[in-house]
Structure formats: C-alpha cells, structure tokens
C-alpha cells in the first residue's frame, strides 16, 4: 500500500499511529506530500480530487480518503477492533468526530495567518474557531473522561493527535488551562511508543 502523508499533518498522524498500534507500518510505503488550497504542491490530486492528505492507495483498489475512512479500512484489515462494537462504537465515532472538528478549526486558524493577506485577516473569525475548540475541550473534560480511561480505540487516538496539534501550532493558547483531567490523560497517552514515533518536527 502507499500512503500520501506529511509529518506535520495531524490527520495523517492519526493514520500513522493506527499503523504502529496494529503492526501494519511495514505494509505501507509512505510518500511525502504537501501543499495548500492556494498551491497544491505535490498533493495527490489524481488520487484524491479534494487535494487533501492523507490518502491511501491499497494494493487492490482505488484511493481511500479521508482519515476516518482510512482508519476504518486499516482497522478492519488488521481486525484490531479500534472501532468497537455498539454501543461503545457510537461514543468512539463521536469522540473521533470531536477530535477531527478540533483539528478543522485549528487548521483554519493556521491558514488565516499563513495564507490570507495581512490586511484581509479577520481576528474575530479566528477567535470564533478557537471558541469551537474551547467548547470541545470543556465538553471532553466534563463528559468524556470515563471513555478516555477505557480500552484503546480510534477516538482516543484521534483526540491525542488533536491535542498534540494544539501544542504544535497553538501552544500559546495553553489548552491545558482549566482541563486538568484531559491534560493528565494526554500526558500518559503521549508517552506511547506510537505517539513518540510520530511527533511532528519542531515548529
């Protein structure tokens, strides 16, 4: 299989952590890819017309994207049950969606600063994106610690990658403030070999 990926993409990190946790890393050739909505660079547009990474090219079929679909595919391939049976499945999927929503907002904040001309930037819009993240963190702290303390699943992996991205790109926001349970959980999860092996390069 071939995986289009960048060491700085948190969505790709989800996939890489899953590969390591399920013993499939040796089955995948990782191809470095990168670009932006303004400059596609070497993004795999022929395989993913949306121009996004990660994108997975299996040996026996067309490209699979985006990250939740890739993760479901690889989990099924390994029989790893990182997507457990219902009713826990619905919590796992909701947690993964929450983590991905945090990442969507965090990436939009980065794009606003990097891609939009300075005279056209909208600070209120940036703060609106952070508001989504802050509300999600509050909800996680208040209602999700029991799930985070349970068996390993894809929701936990996705959340750990999202929190790692907040450290990577938005460290000054100090997401840990007011979220002691979440901070303690992340400290333990971030020590896993799969997380250490996929840490993004220094910003």
N, C-alpha and C. Protein backbone atom coordinates (compact mmCIF):
# COMPACT_ATOMS: atom_id res chain seq x y z
N UNK A 1 0.85 -1.19 0.00
CA UNK A 1 0.00 0.00 0.00
C UNK A 1 0.88 1.24 0.00
N UNK A 2 0.31 2.34 -0.45
CA UNK A 2 1.02 3.61 -0.50
C UNK A 2 0.20 4.66 0.25
N UNK A 3 0.85 5.40 1.14
CA UNK A 3 0.17 6.42 1.93
C UNK A 3 0.81 7.77 1.66
N UNK A 4 0.02 8.72 1.15
CA UNK A 4 0.47 10.09 1.00
C UNK A 4 0.29 10.80 2.34
N UNK A 5 1.37 11.41 2.80
CA UNK A 5 1.40 11.87 4.20
C UNK A 5 2.43 12.97 4.33
N UNK A 6 2.29 13.78 5.36
CA UNK A 6 3.29 14.76 5.76
C UNK A 6 3.48 14.65 7.26
N UNK A 7 4.71 14.77 7.76
CA UNK A 7 4.94 14.66 9.20
C UNK A 7 4.21 15.72 10.03
N UNK A 8 3.76 16.80 9.40
CA UNK A 8 3.09 17.86 10.15
C UNK A 8 1.57 17.78 10.10
N UNK A 9 1.01 16.86 9.32
CA UNK A 9 -0.45 16.80 9.26
C UNK A 9 -0.99 15.95 10.40
N UNK A 10 -1.86 16.50 11.24
CA UNK A 10 -2.40 15.71 12.34
C UNK A 10 -3.36 14.62 11.87
N UNK A 11 -4.01 14.83 10.73
CA UNK A 11 -4.89 13.79 10.21
C UNK A 11 -4.06 12.59 9.74
N UNK A 12 -2.93 12.87 9.12
CA UNK A 12 -2.03 11.78 8.76
C UNK A 12 -1.42 11.11 9.97
N UNK A 13 -1.19 11.88 11.02
CA UNK A 13 -0.63 11.28 12.23
C UNK A 13 -1.58 10.24 12.80
N UNK A 14 -2.88 10.50 12.76
CA UNK A 14 -3.86 9.51 13.20
C UNK A 14 -3.62 8.17 12.52
N UNK A 15 -3.42 8.23 11.21
CA UNK A 15 -3.23 7.01 10.43
C UNK A 15 -1.92 6.33 10.82
N UNK A 16 -0.87 7.12 10.97
CA UNK A 16 0.42 6.55 11.33
C UNK A 16 0.39 5.90 12.71
N UNK A 17 -0.29 6.53 13.66
CA UNK A 17 -0.41 5.92 14.98
C UNK A 17 -1.17 4.61 14.90
N UNK A 18 -2.26 4.59 14.15
CA UNK A 18 -3.01 3.35 13.98
C UNK A 18 -2.13 2.26 13.36
N UNK A 19 -1.37 2.61 12.34
CA UNK A 19 -0.50 1.61 11.70
C UNK A 19 0.48 1.02 12.70
N UNK A 20 1.05 1.86 13.53
CA UNK A 20 2.01 1.37 14.51
C UNK A 20 1.32 0.54 15.59
N UNK A 21 0.18 0.98 16.05
CA UNK A 21 -0.54 0.26 17.10
C UNK A 21 -1.02 -1.11 16.63
N UNK A 22 -1.28 -1.24 15.33
CA UNK A 22 -1.82 -2.50 14.81
C UNK A 22 -0.78 -3.34 14.07
N UNK A 23 0.48 -2.93 14.09
CA UNK A 23 1.54 -3.71 13.46
C UNK A 23 1.52 -3.71 11.95
N UNK A 24 0.96 -2.66 11.34
CA UNK A 24 0.86 -2.62 9.89
C UNK A 24 1.83 -1.63 9.23
N UNK A 25 2.68 -0.99 10.02
CA UNK A 25 3.53 0.05 9.45
C UNK A 25 4.42 -0.48 8.33
N UNK A 26 4.87 -1.71 8.46
CA UNK A 26 5.73 -2.29 7.44
C UNK A 26 5.02 -2.62 6.14
N UNK A 27 3.69 -2.53 6.14
CA UNK A 27 2.92 -2.85 4.93
C UNK A 27 2.67 -1.62 4.06
N UNK A 28 3.15 -0.46 4.50
CA UNK A 28 2.80 0.79 3.84
C UNK A 28 4.07 1.53 3.41
N UNK A 29 4.08 1.98 2.16
CA UNK A 29 5.11 2.89 1.68
C UNK A 29 4.60 4.31 1.89
N UNK A 30 5.31 5.10 2.69
CA UNK A 30 4.90 6.46 2.98
C UNK A 30 5.53 7.40 1.95
N UNK A 31 4.68 8.16 1.27
CA UNK A 31 5.12 9.12 0.26
C UNK A 31 4.88 10.52 0.80
N UNK A 32 5.94 11.31 0.92
CA UNK A 32 5.80 12.67 1.44
C UNK A 32 5.04 13.54 0.44
N UNK A 33 4.06 14.27 0.93
CA UNK A 33 3.25 15.14 0.08
C UNK A 33 2.85 16.36 0.88
N UNK A 34 2.67 17.47 0.19
CA UNK A 34 2.24 18.67 0.87
C UNK A 34 1.80 19.75 -0.09
N UNK A 35 1.04 20.69 0.42
CA UNK A 35 0.53 21.80 -0.37
C UNK A 35 -0.53 22.53 0.41
N UNK A 36 -1.15 23.50 -0.22
CA UNK A 36 -2.21 24.30 0.41
C UNK A 36 -3.34 24.49 -0.60
N UNK A 37 -4.48 25.03 -0.14
CA UNK A 37 -5.54 25.33 -1.10
C UNK A 37 -5.12 26.31 -2.19
N UNK A 38 -4.10 27.14 -1.92
CA UNK A 38 -3.63 28.09 -2.91
C UNK A 38 -2.54 27.53 -3.81
N UNK A 39 -1.80 26.57 -3.31
CA UNK A 39 -0.72 25.95 -4.07
C UNK A 39 -0.72 24.46 -3.75
N UNK A 40 -1.23 23.62 -4.65
CA UNK A 40 -1.36 22.20 -4.35
C UNK A 40 -0.03 21.47 -4.22
N UNK A 41 1.06 22.10 -4.60
CA UNK A 41 2.35 21.45 -4.43
C UNK A 41 2.37 20.08 -5.07
N UNK A 42 2.74 19.08 -4.28
CA UNK A 42 2.74 17.70 -4.80
C UNK A 42 1.65 16.86 -4.14
N UNK A 43 0.54 17.51 -3.78
CA UNK A 43 -0.60 16.75 -3.25
C UNK A 43 -1.11 15.78 -4.31
N UNK A 44 -1.62 14.63 -3.91
CA UNK A 44 -2.02 13.59 -4.87
C UNK A 44 -3.38 13.86 -5.50
N UNK A 45 -3.45 14.90 -6.32
CA UNK A 45 -4.73 15.31 -6.90
C UNK A 45 -5.34 14.23 -7.78
N UNK A 46 -4.50 13.42 -8.41
CA UNK A 46 -5.03 12.35 -9.26
C UNK A 46 -5.70 11.25 -8.47
N UNK A 47 -5.30 11.07 -7.21
CA UNK A 47 -5.90 10.03 -6.37
C UNK A 47 -6.98 10.58 -5.46
N UNK A 48 -6.80 11.80 -4.99
CA UNK A 48 -7.82 12.46 -4.17
C UNK A 48 -8.12 13.82 -4.80
N UNK A 49 -9.21 13.95 -5.51
CA UNK A 49 -9.51 15.21 -6.21
C UNK A 49 -9.70 16.38 -5.25
N UNK A 50 -9.93 16.10 -3.97
CA UNK A 50 -10.06 17.18 -2.99
C UNK A 50 -8.70 17.78 -2.64
N UNK A 51 -7.62 17.11 -3.06
CA UNK A 51 -6.29 17.64 -2.81
C UNK A 51 -5.91 17.63 -1.35
N UNK A 52 -6.31 16.58 -0.63
CA UNK A 52 -6.04 16.51 0.80
C UNK A 52 -5.24 15.25 1.12
N UNK A 53 -4.46 15.35 2.18
CA UNK A 53 -3.79 14.18 2.72
C UNK A 53 -4.25 14.01 4.17
N UNK A 54 -4.22 12.75 4.63
CA UNK A 54 -3.67 11.55 3.99
C UNK A 54 -4.59 10.98 2.92
N UNK A 55 -3.97 10.22 2.03
CA UNK A 55 -4.69 9.42 1.04
C UNK A 55 -3.98 8.08 0.96
N UNK A 56 -4.73 7.01 0.99
CA UNK A 56 -4.17 5.66 0.98
C UNK A 56 -4.51 4.98 -0.33
N UNK A 57 -3.49 4.39 -0.96
CA UNK A 57 -3.70 3.63 -2.19
C UNK A 57 -3.48 2.16 -1.87
N UNK A 58 -4.55 1.39 -1.72
CA UNK A 58 -4.40 -0.04 -1.44
C UNK A 58 -3.79 -0.78 -2.64
N UNK A 59 -3.34 -1.98 -2.39
CA UNK A 59 -2.79 -2.79 -3.47
C UNK A 59 -3.88 -3.27 -4.43
N UNK A 60 -5.13 -3.31 -3.97
CA UNK A 60 -6.17 -3.97 -4.74
C UNK A 60 -7.34 -3.07 -5.09
N UNK A 61 -7.13 -1.74 -5.12
CA UNK A 61 -8.27 -0.89 -5.43
C UNK A 61 -7.90 0.57 -5.50
N UNK A 62 -8.91 1.42 -5.71
CA UNK A 62 -8.67 2.86 -5.84
C UNK A 62 -8.34 3.50 -4.50
N UNK A 63 -8.00 4.78 -4.55
CA UNK A 63 -7.61 5.53 -3.35
C UNK A 63 -8.73 5.55 -2.32
N UNK A 64 -8.32 5.58 -1.06
CA UNK A 64 -9.22 5.70 0.08
C UNK A 64 -8.87 6.98 0.82
N UNK A 65 -9.87 7.79 1.09
CA UNK A 65 -9.68 9.04 1.85
C UNK A 65 -11.04 9.41 2.41
N UNK A 66 -11.18 10.28 3.46
CA UNK A 66 -10.12 10.94 4.16
C UNK A 66 -9.77 10.14 5.40
N UNK A 67 -9.21 10.78 6.44
CA UNK A 67 -8.62 10.00 7.52
C UNK A 67 -9.59 9.06 8.25
N UNK A 68 -10.84 9.43 8.55
CA UNK A 68 -11.70 8.46 9.22
C UNK A 68 -11.96 7.21 8.38
N UNK A 69 -12.06 7.39 7.07
CA UNK A 69 -12.30 6.24 6.20
C UNK A 69 -11.05 5.37 6.13
N UNK A 70 -9.89 6.00 6.01
CA UNK A 70 -8.63 5.24 6.00
C UNK A 70 -8.50 4.45 7.30
N UNK A 71 -8.80 5.09 8.41
CA UNK A 71 -8.65 4.42 9.69
C UNK A 71 -9.62 3.24 9.82
N UNK A 72 -10.84 3.40 9.35
CA UNK A 72 -11.78 2.28 9.39
C UNK A 72 -11.27 1.12 8.53
N UNK A 73 -10.74 1.46 7.36
CA UNK A 73 -10.22 0.43 6.45
C UNK A 73 -9.06 -0.33 7.10
N UNK A 74 -8.10 0.40 7.64
CA UNK A 74 -6.92 -0.24 8.21
C UNK A 74 -7.26 -1.02 9.48
N UNK A 75 -8.21 -0.52 10.26
CA UNK A 75 -8.64 -1.26 11.44
C UNK A 75 -9.30 -2.58 11.04
N UNK A 76 -10.15 -2.53 10.02
CA UNK A 76 -10.79 -3.76 9.55
C UNK A 76 -9.76 -4.72 8.98
N UNK A 77 -8.78 -4.18 8.26
CA UNK A 77 -7.73 -5.01 7.66
C UNK A 77 -6.96 -5.79 8.73
N UNK A 78 -6.72 -5.11 9.86
CA UNK A 78 -5.95 -5.75 10.93
C UNK A 78 -6.82 -6.53 11.92
N UNK A 79 -8.13 -6.34 11.85
CA UNK A 79 -9.00 -6.96 12.84
C UNK A 79 -8.70 -6.47 14.24
N UNK A 80 -8.38 -5.19 14.36
CA UNK A 80 -7.86 -4.66 15.62
C UNK A 80 -8.95 -4.18 16.59
N UNK A 81 -10.16 -3.98 16.10
CA UNK A 81 -11.28 -3.53 16.94
C UNK A 81 -11.04 -2.19 17.60
N UNK A 82 -10.30 -1.30 16.93
CA UNK A 82 -10.20 0.07 17.42
C UNK A 82 -11.51 0.82 17.21
N UNK A 83 -12.36 0.28 16.37
CA UNK A 83 -13.76 0.69 16.29
C UNK A 83 -14.56 -0.46 16.89
N UNK A 84 -14.91 -0.36 18.17
CA UNK A 84 -15.53 -1.49 18.87
C UNK A 84 -16.99 -1.69 18.46
N UNK A 85 -17.55 -2.72 19.00
CA UNK A 85 -18.96 -3.00 18.75
C UNK A 85 -19.84 -1.96 19.46
N UNK A 86 -21.04 -1.76 18.93
CA UNK A 86 -22.01 -0.90 19.59
C UNK A 86 -22.39 -1.54 20.94
N UNK A 87 -22.71 -0.76 21.95
CA UNK A 87 -22.96 0.69 21.90
C UNK A 87 -21.70 1.56 22.03
N UNK A 88 -20.55 0.98 22.45
CA UNK A 88 -19.35 1.82 22.59
C UNK A 88 -18.95 2.44 21.26
N UNK A 89 -19.28 1.81 20.15
CA UNK A 89 -18.91 2.33 18.84
C UNK A 89 -19.38 3.77 18.66
N UNK A 90 -20.60 4.07 19.11
CA UNK A 90 -21.15 5.41 18.86
C UNK A 90 -20.38 6.46 19.65
N UNK A 91 -19.95 6.11 20.83
CA UNK A 91 -19.10 7.04 21.60
C UNK A 91 -17.75 7.21 20.92
N UNK A 92 -17.19 6.11 20.43
CA UNK A 92 -15.90 6.18 19.76
C UNK A 92 -15.97 7.07 18.53
N UNK A 93 -16.99 6.88 17.71
CA UNK A 93 -17.14 7.69 16.50
C UNK A 93 -17.38 9.16 16.83
N UNK A 94 -18.17 9.41 17.88
CA UNK A 94 -18.43 10.80 18.27
C UNK A 94 -17.16 11.45 18.79
N UNK A 95 -16.37 10.71 19.55
CA UNK A 95 -15.10 11.25 20.04
C UNK A 95 -14.16 11.53 18.87
N UNK A 96 -14.09 10.63 17.90
CA UNK A 96 -13.25 10.88 16.73
C UNK A 96 -13.74 12.12 15.98
N UNK A 97 -15.04 12.26 15.83
CA UNK A 97 -15.58 13.44 15.14
C UNK A 97 -15.27 14.72 15.91
N UNK A 98 -15.33 14.67 17.23
CA UNK A 98 -14.99 15.84 18.04
C UNK A 98 -13.52 16.21 17.84
N UNK A 99 -12.65 15.21 17.87
CA UNK A 99 -11.22 15.46 17.65
C UNK A 99 -10.97 16.04 16.27
N UNK A 100 -11.62 15.48 15.26
CA UNK A 100 -11.44 16.00 13.90
C UNK A 100 -11.98 17.42 13.78
N UNK A 101 -13.05 17.73 14.50
CA UNK A 101 -13.58 19.09 14.49
C UNK A 101 -12.61 20.07 15.13
N UNK A 102 -11.96 19.65 16.21
CA UNK A 102 -10.92 20.48 16.81
C UNK A 102 -9.83 20.76 15.78
N UNK A 103 -9.43 19.73 15.07
CA UNK A 103 -8.37 19.90 14.06
C UNK A 103 -8.82 20.80 12.92
N UNK A 104 -10.04 20.65 12.46
CA UNK A 104 -10.54 21.51 11.38
C UNK A 104 -10.43 22.98 11.80
N UNK A 105 -10.88 23.28 13.01
CA UNK A 105 -10.84 24.66 13.49
C UNK A 105 -9.40 25.14 13.65
N UNK A 106 -8.54 24.29 14.20
CA UNK A 106 -7.15 24.67 14.41
C UNK A 106 -6.43 24.92 13.09
N UNK A 107 -6.73 24.11 12.08
CA UNK A 107 -6.11 24.30 10.77
C UNK A 107 -6.60 25.60 10.11
N UNK A 108 -7.88 25.92 10.26
CA UNK A 108 -8.38 27.17 9.70
C UNK A 108 -7.71 28.37 10.33
N UNK A 109 -7.39 28.27 11.60
CA UNK A 109 -6.65 29.34 12.26
C UNK A 109 -5.26 29.51 11.66
N UNK A 110 -4.61 28.38 11.38
CA UNK A 110 -3.29 28.43 10.76
C UNK A 110 -3.38 29.02 9.36
N UNK A 111 -4.35 28.59 8.58
CA UNK A 111 -4.50 29.11 7.22
C UNK A 111 -4.76 30.62 7.23
N UNK A 112 -5.55 31.08 8.18
CA UNK A 112 -5.84 32.51 8.24
C UNK A 112 -4.56 33.33 8.39
N UNK A 113 -3.65 32.83 9.21
CA UNK A 113 -2.41 33.56 9.46
C UNK A 113 -1.41 33.40 8.34
N UNK A 114 -1.40 32.22 7.71
CA UNK A 114 -0.36 31.94 6.72
C UNK A 114 -0.74 32.27 5.29
N UNK A 115 -2.01 32.14 4.95
CA UNK A 115 -2.41 32.25 3.56
C UNK A 115 -3.15 33.53 3.22
N UNK A 116 -3.83 34.12 4.20
CA UNK A 116 -4.62 35.32 3.90
C UNK A 116 -3.73 36.56 4.03
N UNK A 117 -3.79 37.48 3.09
CA UNK A 117 -3.02 38.72 3.22
C UNK A 117 -3.35 39.42 4.54
N UNK A 118 -2.34 40.04 5.13
CA UNK A 118 -2.49 40.60 6.47
C UNK A 118 -3.64 41.59 6.56
N UNK A 119 -3.84 42.39 5.52
CA UNK A 119 -4.89 43.41 5.58
C UNK A 119 -6.29 42.83 5.43
N UNK A 120 -6.37 41.53 5.14
CA UNK A 120 -7.68 40.88 4.98
C UNK A 120 -7.97 39.89 6.10
N UNK A 121 -7.11 39.80 7.06
CA UNK A 121 -7.33 38.86 8.16
C UNK A 121 -8.43 39.37 9.09
N UNK A 122 -9.15 38.43 9.68
CA UNK A 122 -10.33 38.74 10.49
C UNK A 122 -10.13 38.12 11.88
N UNK A 123 -9.60 38.87 12.84
CA UNK A 123 -9.34 38.31 14.16
C UNK A 123 -10.57 37.69 14.83
N UNK A 124 -11.73 38.29 14.61
CA UNK A 124 -12.94 37.74 15.21
C UNK A 124 -13.25 36.35 14.71
N UNK A 125 -12.98 36.14 13.44
CA UNK A 125 -13.21 34.81 12.86
C UNK A 125 -12.25 33.79 13.46
N UNK A 126 -10.99 34.20 13.66
CA UNK A 126 -10.01 33.32 14.29
C UNK A 126 -10.47 32.96 15.70
N UNK A 127 -10.92 33.94 16.45
CA UNK A 127 -11.38 33.67 17.81
C UNK A 127 -12.63 32.78 17.80
N UNK A 128 -13.44 32.92 16.76
CA UNK A 128 -14.59 32.03 16.64
C UNK A 128 -14.18 30.58 16.47
N UNK A 129 -13.11 30.36 15.72
CA UNK A 129 -12.59 29.00 15.57
C UNK A 129 -12.06 28.48 16.90
N UNK A 130 -11.34 29.33 17.61
CA UNK A 130 -10.85 28.88 18.92
C UNK A 130 -12.01 28.63 19.87
N UNK A 131 -13.09 29.38 19.73
CA UNK A 131 -14.26 29.13 20.56
C UNK A 131 -14.79 27.72 20.39
N UNK A 132 -14.78 27.21 19.16
CA UNK A 132 -15.20 25.82 18.93
C UNK A 132 -14.30 24.87 19.70
N UNK A 133 -13.00 25.12 19.61
CA UNK A 133 -12.04 24.25 20.28
C UNK A 133 -12.24 24.31 21.80
N UNK A 134 -12.40 25.51 22.33
CA UNK A 134 -12.56 25.67 23.77
C UNK A 134 -13.81 24.95 24.27
N UNK A 135 -14.90 25.06 23.53
CA UNK A 135 -16.14 24.36 23.93
C UNK A 135 -15.95 22.85 23.89
N UNK A 136 -15.24 22.37 22.87
CA UNK A 136 -14.99 20.93 22.77
C UNK A 136 -14.13 20.46 23.93
N UNK A 137 -13.10 21.22 24.29
CA UNK A 137 -12.24 20.84 25.41
C UNK A 137 -13.04 20.80 26.71
N UNK A 138 -13.91 21.78 26.92
CA UNK A 138 -14.75 21.79 28.12
C UNK A 138 -15.65 20.55 28.18
N UNK A 139 -16.24 20.21 27.04
CA UNK A 139 -17.11 19.03 26.99
C UNK A 139 -16.33 17.76 27.26
N UNK A 140 -15.15 17.66 26.69
CA UNK A 140 -14.32 16.47 26.91
C UNK A 140 -13.96 16.33 28.38
N UNK A 141 -13.59 17.43 29.00
CA UNK A 141 -13.23 17.41 30.42
C UNK A 141 -14.43 17.01 31.28
N UNK A 142 -15.60 17.48 30.92
CA UNK A 142 -16.79 17.26 31.76
C UNK A 142 -17.44 15.91 31.53
N UNK A 143 -17.38 15.39 30.30
CA UNK A 143 -18.23 14.25 29.98
C UNK A 143 -17.53 13.04 29.37
N UNK A 144 -16.23 13.13 29.12
CA UNK A 144 -15.60 12.05 28.37
C UNK A 144 -14.47 11.33 29.09
N UNK A 145 -14.19 11.70 30.31
CA UNK A 145 -13.04 11.09 30.97
C UNK A 145 -13.24 9.59 31.21
N UNK A 146 -14.48 9.16 31.43
CA UNK A 146 -14.70 7.72 31.61
C UNK A 146 -14.37 6.95 30.35
N UNK A 147 -14.73 7.49 29.19
CA UNK A 147 -14.42 6.82 27.93
C UNK A 147 -12.91 6.83 27.67
N UNK A 148 -12.28 7.95 27.96
CA UNK A 148 -10.84 8.04 27.73
C UNK A 148 -10.07 7.06 28.60
N UNK A 149 -10.64 6.70 29.74
CA UNK A 149 -9.99 5.74 30.62
C UNK A 149 -10.25 4.30 30.25
N UNK A 150 -11.04 4.07 29.20
CA UNK A 150 -11.38 2.71 28.79
C UNK A 150 -10.38 2.11 27.81
N UNK A 151 -10.76 0.99 27.19
CA UNK A 151 -9.85 0.32 26.25
C UNK A 151 -9.48 1.23 25.07
N UNK A 152 -8.30 1.03 24.54
CA UNK A 152 -7.83 1.83 23.41
C UNK A 152 -8.79 1.76 22.24
N UNK A 153 -9.13 2.92 21.69
CA UNK A 153 -9.96 2.95 20.49
C UNK A 153 -9.54 4.13 19.61
N UNK A 154 -10.16 4.24 18.45
CA UNK A 154 -9.74 5.25 17.49
C UNK A 154 -10.11 6.65 17.94
N UNK A 155 -11.15 6.78 18.75
CA UNK A 155 -11.48 8.08 19.27
C UNK A 155 -10.36 8.63 20.14
N UNK A 156 -9.79 7.78 20.96
CA UNK A 156 -8.68 8.21 21.81
C UNK A 156 -7.47 8.60 20.97
N UNK A 157 -7.16 7.81 19.96
CA UNK A 157 -6.02 8.14 19.09
C UNK A 157 -6.25 9.49 18.41
N UNK A 158 -7.45 9.69 17.87
CA UNK A 158 -7.75 10.94 17.19
C UNK A 158 -7.62 12.13 18.14
N UNK A 159 -8.13 11.98 19.36
CA UNK A 159 -8.06 13.08 20.31
C UNK A 159 -6.61 13.38 20.69
N UNK A 160 -5.82 12.35 20.93
CA UNK A 160 -4.42 12.57 21.27
C UNK A 160 -3.70 13.32 20.16
N UNK A 161 -3.97 12.97 18.91
CA UNK A 161 -3.35 13.68 17.79
C UNK A 161 -3.83 15.12 17.71
N UNK A 162 -5.10 15.36 18.04
CA UNK A 162 -5.62 16.72 18.03
C UNK A 162 -4.96 17.56 19.12
N UNK A 163 -4.84 17.02 20.31
CA UNK A 163 -4.21 17.77 21.39
C UNK A 163 -2.74 18.02 21.10
N UNK A 164 -2.08 17.04 20.49
CA UNK A 164 -0.71 17.25 20.08
C UNK A 164 -0.57 18.36 19.06
N UNK A 165 -1.56 18.48 18.17
CA UNK A 165 -1.51 19.54 17.18
C UNK A 165 -1.73 20.90 17.83
N UNK A 166 -2.57 20.98 18.85
CA UNK A 166 -2.74 22.24 19.56
C UNK A 166 -1.42 22.67 20.19
N UNK A 167 -0.67 21.72 20.73
CA UNK A 167 0.66 22.05 21.26
C UNK A 167 1.58 22.52 20.13
N UNK A 168 1.49 21.87 18.99
CA UNK A 168 2.40 22.11 17.87
C UNK A 168 2.18 23.48 17.24
N UNK A 169 0.93 23.84 17.00
CA UNK A 169 0.62 25.08 16.27
C UNK A 169 0.03 26.18 17.14
N UNK A 170 -0.55 25.83 18.28
CA UNK A 170 -1.25 26.84 19.09
C UNK A 170 -0.85 26.73 20.56
N UNK A 171 0.42 26.48 20.79
CA UNK A 171 0.88 26.27 22.16
C UNK A 171 0.62 27.45 23.07
N UNK A 172 0.67 28.65 22.53
CA UNK A 172 0.45 29.84 23.37
C UNK A 172 -0.97 29.91 23.93
N UNK A 173 -1.88 29.18 23.33
CA UNK A 173 -3.26 29.19 23.82
C UNK A 173 -3.43 28.38 25.11
N UNK A 174 -2.47 27.51 25.39
CA UNK A 174 -2.46 26.73 26.64
C UNK A 174 -3.78 26.00 26.88
N UNK A 175 -4.06 25.03 26.02
CA UNK A 175 -5.32 24.30 26.14
C UNK A 175 -5.46 23.57 27.46
N UNK A 176 -4.36 23.31 28.15
CA UNK A 176 -4.42 22.57 29.42
C UNK A 176 -5.09 23.36 30.54
N UNK A 177 -5.06 24.68 30.44
CA UNK A 177 -5.64 25.52 31.49
C UNK A 177 -7.13 25.22 31.63
N UNK A 178 -7.55 24.84 32.82
CA UNK A 178 -8.95 24.51 33.06
C UNK A 178 -9.35 23.11 32.67
N UNK A 179 -8.39 22.31 32.22
CA UNK A 179 -8.69 20.94 31.80
C UNK A 179 -7.69 19.95 32.40
N UNK A 180 -7.64 19.86 33.72
CA UNK A 180 -6.62 19.03 34.36
C UNK A 180 -6.76 17.54 34.06
N UNK A 181 -7.99 17.05 34.00
CA UNK A 181 -8.18 15.64 33.70
C UNK A 181 -7.70 15.30 32.30
N UNK A 182 -8.06 16.15 31.36
CA UNK A 182 -7.65 15.94 29.97
C UNK A 182 -6.14 16.04 29.84
N UNK A 183 -5.53 17.00 30.54
CA UNK A 183 -4.08 17.15 30.48
C UNK A 183 -3.38 15.92 31.04
N UNK A 184 -3.88 15.38 32.15
CA UNK A 184 -3.27 14.18 32.72
C UNK A 184 -3.42 12.99 31.79
N UNK A 185 -4.61 12.85 31.21
CA UNK A 185 -4.81 11.74 30.28
C UNK A 185 -3.86 11.85 29.10
N UNK A 186 -3.73 13.05 28.54
CA UNK A 186 -2.87 13.23 27.37
C UNK A 186 -1.41 12.95 27.72
N UNK A 187 -0.97 13.36 28.89
CA UNK A 187 0.42 13.11 29.28
C UNK A 187 0.72 11.62 29.24
N UNK A 188 -0.20 10.81 29.71
CA UNK A 188 0.01 9.37 29.66
C UNK A 188 -0.06 8.81 28.25
N UNK A 189 -1.04 9.28 27.49
CA UNK A 189 -1.21 8.75 26.14
C UNK A 189 -0.04 9.15 25.25
N UNK A 190 0.45 10.37 25.41
CA UNK A 190 1.53 10.86 24.56
C UNK A 190 2.83 10.09 24.78
N UNK A 191 2.92 9.34 25.88
CA UNK A 191 4.12 8.54 26.15
C UNK A 191 4.13 7.22 25.40
N UNK A 192 3.03 6.86 24.73
CA UNK A 192 3.01 5.61 23.97
C UNK A 192 4.05 5.66 22.87
N UNK A 193 4.62 4.51 22.55
CA UNK A 193 5.65 4.45 21.51
C UNK A 193 5.14 5.00 20.19
N UNK A 194 3.88 4.71 19.86
CA UNK A 194 3.32 5.15 18.58
C UNK A 194 3.22 6.67 18.51
N UNK A 195 2.95 7.30 19.63
CA UNK A 195 2.86 8.76 19.66
C UNK A 195 4.25 9.38 19.60
N UNK A 196 5.18 8.82 20.30
CA UNK A 196 6.55 9.35 20.27
C UNK A 196 7.14 9.24 18.87
N UNK A 197 6.84 8.14 18.20
CA UNK A 197 7.42 7.90 16.87
C UNK A 197 6.83 8.83 15.81
N UNK A 198 5.68 9.42 16.09
CA UNK A 198 5.00 10.25 15.08
C UNK A 198 4.95 11.72 15.47
N UNK A 199 5.73 12.12 16.45
CA UNK A 199 5.74 13.54 16.82
C UNK A 199 6.16 14.39 15.64
N UNK A 200 5.45 15.50 15.41
CA UNK A 200 5.85 16.38 14.29
C UNK A 200 7.18 17.06 14.60
N UNK A 201 7.88 17.50 13.55
CA UNK A 201 9.14 18.21 13.78
C UNK A 201 8.88 19.53 14.49
N UNK A 202 9.92 20.09 15.06
CA UNK A 202 9.78 21.35 15.78
C UNK A 202 9.16 22.40 14.87
N UNK A 203 8.21 23.14 15.42
CA UNK A 203 7.51 24.17 14.63
C UNK A 203 8.45 25.29 14.23
